[in-house]
Amino acid sequence: MILHGLRSIFHWQDNFLRFSRAREAIEAERRLYHTHANPYDNPETREQQLAMAVSRIEQEEMSGWIKIAADRPKS
């Protein structure tokens, strides 16, 4: 009963799923990079492409956390 209450307060499962989605998105980009797949097939731009992709994923993740924080009721 107490554990269920804590889960509803802290949303551990939701947080884990959000974290996992971001981690897997970065891993997918990493696999593309290591195999020189599109868009990482151009040696002149592959590092920049990876940096932009990871930054985009990080920004999306941060935007999600900001929205969650903003939607929480004020005490």
N, C-alpha and C. Protein backbone atom coordinates (compact mmCIF):
# COMPACT_ATOMS: atom_id res chain seq x y z
N MET A 1 0.82 -1.19 0.00
CA MET A 1 0.00 0.00 0.00
C MET A 1 0.87 1.27 0.00
N ILE A 2 1.87 1.27 0.87
CA ILE A 2 2.76 2.44 0.94
C ILE A 2 3.55 2.58 -0.35
N LEU A 3 4.03 1.44 -0.86
CA LEU A 3 4.81 1.47 -2.10
C LEU A 3 3.97 2.00 -3.26
N HIS A 4 2.71 1.59 -3.31
CA HIS A 4 1.81 2.10 -4.36
C HIS A 4 1.65 3.61 -4.24
N GLY A 5 1.53 4.10 -3.04
CA GLY A 5 1.43 5.55 -2.82
C GLY A 5 2.67 6.29 -3.27
N LEU A 6 3.84 5.71 -2.95
CA LEU A 6 5.09 6.34 -3.39
C LEU A 6 5.21 6.35 -4.91
N ARG A 7 4.79 5.25 -5.54
CA ARG A 7 4.83 5.21 -7.01
C ARG A 7 3.98 6.30 -7.63
N SER A 8 2.80 6.53 -7.05
CA SER A 8 1.91 7.55 -7.62
C SER A 8 2.45 8.96 -7.40
N ILE A 9 3.24 9.13 -6.35
CA ILE A 9 3.82 10.46 -6.08
C ILE A 9 5.02 10.71 -6.98
N PHE A 10 5.92 9.73 -7.07
CA PHE A 10 7.19 9.95 -7.76
C PHE A 10 7.20 9.53 -9.22
N HIS A 11 6.22 8.78 -9.68
CA HIS A 11 6.10 8.39 -11.09
C HIS A 11 7.36 7.71 -11.60
N TRP A 12 7.93 6.79 -10.81
CA TRP A 12 9.17 6.13 -11.19
C TRP A 12 9.08 5.41 -12.53
N GLN A 13 7.98 4.73 -12.76
CA GLN A 13 7.86 3.98 -14.02
C GLN A 13 7.81 4.94 -15.21
N ASP A 14 7.05 6.02 -15.10
CA ASP A 14 6.98 7.01 -16.18
C ASP A 14 8.35 7.63 -16.43
N ASN A 15 9.05 7.96 -15.35
CA ASN A 15 10.38 8.56 -15.48
C ASN A 15 11.34 7.59 -16.16
N PHE A 16 11.28 6.31 -15.78
CA PHE A 16 12.15 5.31 -16.38
C PHE A 16 11.85 5.16 -17.87
N LEU A 17 10.58 5.17 -18.22
CA LEU A 17 10.21 5.04 -19.64
C LEU A 17 10.70 6.24 -20.44
N ARG A 18 10.59 7.44 -19.88
CA ARG A 18 11.08 8.64 -20.55
C ARG A 18 12.60 8.56 -20.73
N PHE A 19 13.29 8.18 -19.68
CA PHE A 19 14.74 8.04 -19.75
C PHE A 19 15.14 6.98 -20.78
N SER A 20 14.43 5.85 -20.76
CA SER A 20 14.75 4.76 -21.70
C SER A 20 14.54 5.18 -23.14
N ARG A 21 13.49 5.94 -23.40
CA ARG A 21 13.23 6.40 -24.76
C ARG A 21 14.37 7.29 -25.26
N ALA A 22 14.84 8.21 -24.42
CA ALA A 22 15.94 9.10 -24.81
C ALA A 22 17.23 8.30 -24.99
N ARG A 23 17.50 7.38 -24.07
CA ARG A 23 18.71 6.56 -24.18
C ARG A 23 18.72 5.74 -25.46
N GLU A 24 17.59 5.14 -25.79
CA GLU A 24 17.51 4.32 -27.00
C GLU A 24 17.62 5.17 -28.27
N ALA A 25 17.09 6.38 -28.23
CA ALA A 25 17.22 7.27 -29.39
C ALA A 25 18.69 7.62 -29.63
N ILE A 26 19.42 7.88 -28.55
CA ILE A 26 20.85 8.18 -28.69
C ILE A 26 21.60 6.94 -29.16
N GLU A 27 21.26 5.78 -28.63
CA GLU A 27 21.91 4.53 -29.07
C GLU A 27 21.65 4.26 -30.54
N ALA A 28 20.46 4.57 -31.02
CA ALA A 28 20.16 4.37 -32.44
C ALA A 28 21.05 5.27 -33.30
N GLU A 29 21.23 6.51 -32.89
CA GLU A 29 22.11 7.42 -33.62
C GLU A 29 23.55 6.91 -33.56
N ARG A 30 23.95 6.41 -32.41
CA ARG A 30 25.30 5.86 -32.26
C ARG A 30 25.53 4.68 -33.20
N ARG A 31 24.55 3.80 -33.33
CA ARG A 31 24.69 2.66 -34.24
C ARG A 31 24.82 3.13 -35.69
N LEU A 32 24.00 4.10 -36.07
CA LEU A 32 24.09 4.64 -37.43
C LEU A 32 25.47 5.25 -37.67
N TYR A 33 25.96 5.97 -36.68
CA TYR A 33 27.27 6.61 -36.79
C TYR A 33 28.37 5.55 -36.96
N HIS A 34 28.35 4.52 -36.14
CA HIS A 34 29.40 3.50 -36.19
C HIS A 34 29.37 2.66 -37.46
N THR A 35 28.22 2.58 -38.09
CA THR A 35 28.13 1.81 -39.34
C THR A 35 28.23 2.69 -40.57
N HIS A 36 28.46 3.99 -40.36
CA HIS A 36 28.57 4.96 -41.45
C HIS A 36 27.30 5.00 -42.31
N ALA A 37 26.16 4.76 -41.66
CA ALA A 37 24.88 4.82 -42.38
C ALA A 37 24.43 6.27 -42.50
N ASN A 38 23.50 6.51 -43.40
CA ASN A 38 22.94 7.84 -43.61
C ASN A 38 22.30 8.31 -42.30
N PRO A 39 22.55 9.48 -41.81
CA PRO A 39 23.23 10.64 -42.38
C PRO A 39 24.71 10.73 -42.02
N TYR A 40 25.29 9.64 -41.53
CA TYR A 40 26.69 9.64 -41.08
C TYR A 40 27.64 9.03 -42.10
N ASP A 41 27.25 9.05 -43.34
CA ASP A 41 28.07 8.45 -44.39
C ASP A 41 29.07 9.42 -45.01
N ASN A 42 28.96 10.69 -44.70
CA ASN A 42 29.90 11.69 -45.21
C ASN A 42 30.96 11.96 -44.15
N PRO A 43 32.22 11.58 -44.40
CA PRO A 43 33.27 11.76 -43.39
C PRO A 43 33.47 13.21 -42.97
N GLU A 44 33.12 14.14 -43.82
CA GLU A 44 33.33 15.56 -43.51
C GLU A 44 32.28 16.12 -42.55
N THR A 45 31.11 15.50 -42.50
CA THR A 45 30.04 16.06 -41.67
C THR A 45 29.52 15.12 -40.60
N ARG A 46 30.06 13.90 -40.52
CA ARG A 46 29.46 12.91 -39.62
C ARG A 46 29.51 13.30 -38.14
N GLU A 47 30.62 13.91 -37.69
CA GLU A 47 30.70 14.32 -36.28
C GLU A 47 29.67 15.41 -35.97
N GLN A 48 29.54 16.36 -36.87
CA GLN A 48 28.57 17.44 -36.67
C GLN A 48 27.14 16.90 -36.68
N GLN A 49 26.88 15.95 -37.57
CA GLN A 49 25.54 15.35 -37.65
C GLN A 49 25.21 14.63 -36.34
N LEU A 50 26.17 13.89 -35.80
CA LEU A 50 25.94 13.18 -34.54
C LEU A 50 25.71 14.17 -33.40
N ALA A 51 26.53 15.20 -33.33
CA ALA A 51 26.37 16.20 -32.27
C ALA A 51 25.00 16.86 -32.36
N MET A 52 24.56 17.18 -33.56
CA MET A 52 23.24 17.81 -33.73
C MET A 52 22.11 16.84 -33.32
N ALA A 53 22.24 15.57 -33.70
CA ALA A 53 21.21 14.59 -33.37
C ALA A 53 21.12 14.39 -31.86
N VAL A 54 22.25 14.26 -31.20
CA VAL A 54 22.25 14.06 -29.74
C VAL A 54 21.72 15.32 -29.05
N SER A 55 22.12 16.48 -29.52
CA SER A 55 21.60 17.73 -28.93
C SER A 55 20.09 17.83 -29.08
N ARG A 56 19.58 17.45 -30.24
CA ARG A 56 18.13 17.48 -30.47
C ARG A 56 17.42 16.56 -29.48
N ILE A 57 17.94 15.36 -29.30
CA ILE A 57 17.33 14.40 -28.37
C ILE A 57 17.38 14.95 -26.95
N GLU A 58 18.51 15.53 -26.55
CA GLU A 58 18.63 16.12 -25.22
C GLU A 58 17.64 17.27 -25.02
N GLN A 59 17.50 18.12 -26.03
CA GLN A 59 16.56 19.24 -25.92
C GLN A 59 15.12 18.77 -25.82
N GLU A 60 14.77 17.73 -26.58
CA GLU A 60 13.42 17.17 -26.49
C GLU A 60 13.18 16.60 -25.10
N GLU A 61 14.17 15.90 -24.57
CA GLU A 61 14.04 15.33 -23.23
C GLU A 61 13.89 16.44 -22.18
N MET A 62 14.72 17.46 -22.27
CA MET A 62 14.64 18.57 -21.32
C MET A 62 13.31 19.30 -21.43
N SER A 63 12.81 19.49 -22.64
CA SER A 63 11.51 20.13 -22.82
C SER A 63 10.40 19.32 -22.15
N GLY A 64 10.50 17.99 -22.25
CA GLY A 64 9.51 17.14 -21.59
C GLY A 64 9.55 17.30 -20.09
N TRP A 65 10.75 17.35 -19.51
CA TRP A 65 10.88 17.51 -18.06
C TRP A 65 10.40 18.89 -17.61
N ILE A 66 10.67 19.91 -18.41
CA ILE A 66 10.21 21.26 -18.07
C ILE A 66 8.69 21.31 -18.07
N LYS A 67 8.07 20.67 -19.05
CA LYS A 67 6.61 20.64 -19.11
C LYS A 67 6.04 19.91 -17.90
N ILE A 68 6.65 18.80 -17.52
CA ILE A 68 6.18 18.06 -16.34
C ILE A 68 6.27 18.93 -15.10
N ALA A 69 7.40 19.62 -14.93
CA ALA A 69 7.59 20.47 -13.77
C ALA A 69 6.59 21.63 -13.76
N ALA A 70 6.31 22.19 -14.93
CA ALA A 70 5.37 23.29 -15.01
C ALA A 70 3.94 22.85 -14.74
N ASP A 71 3.63 21.62 -15.08
CA ASP A 71 2.26 21.11 -14.89
C ASP A 71 1.98 20.65 -13.46
N ARG A 72 3.02 20.50 -12.65
CA ARG A 72 2.81 20.06 -11.27
C ARG A 72 2.10 21.14 -10.49
N PRO A 73 1.16 20.71 -9.64
CA PRO A 73 0.46 21.71 -8.81
C PRO A 73 1.42 22.36 -7.83
N LYS A 74 1.27 23.63 -7.62
CA LYS A 74 2.10 24.37 -6.68
C LYS A 74 1.61 24.09 -5.26
N SER A 75 2.56 23.90 -4.36
CA SER A 75 2.20 23.61 -2.95
C SER A 75 1.88 24.86 -2.19
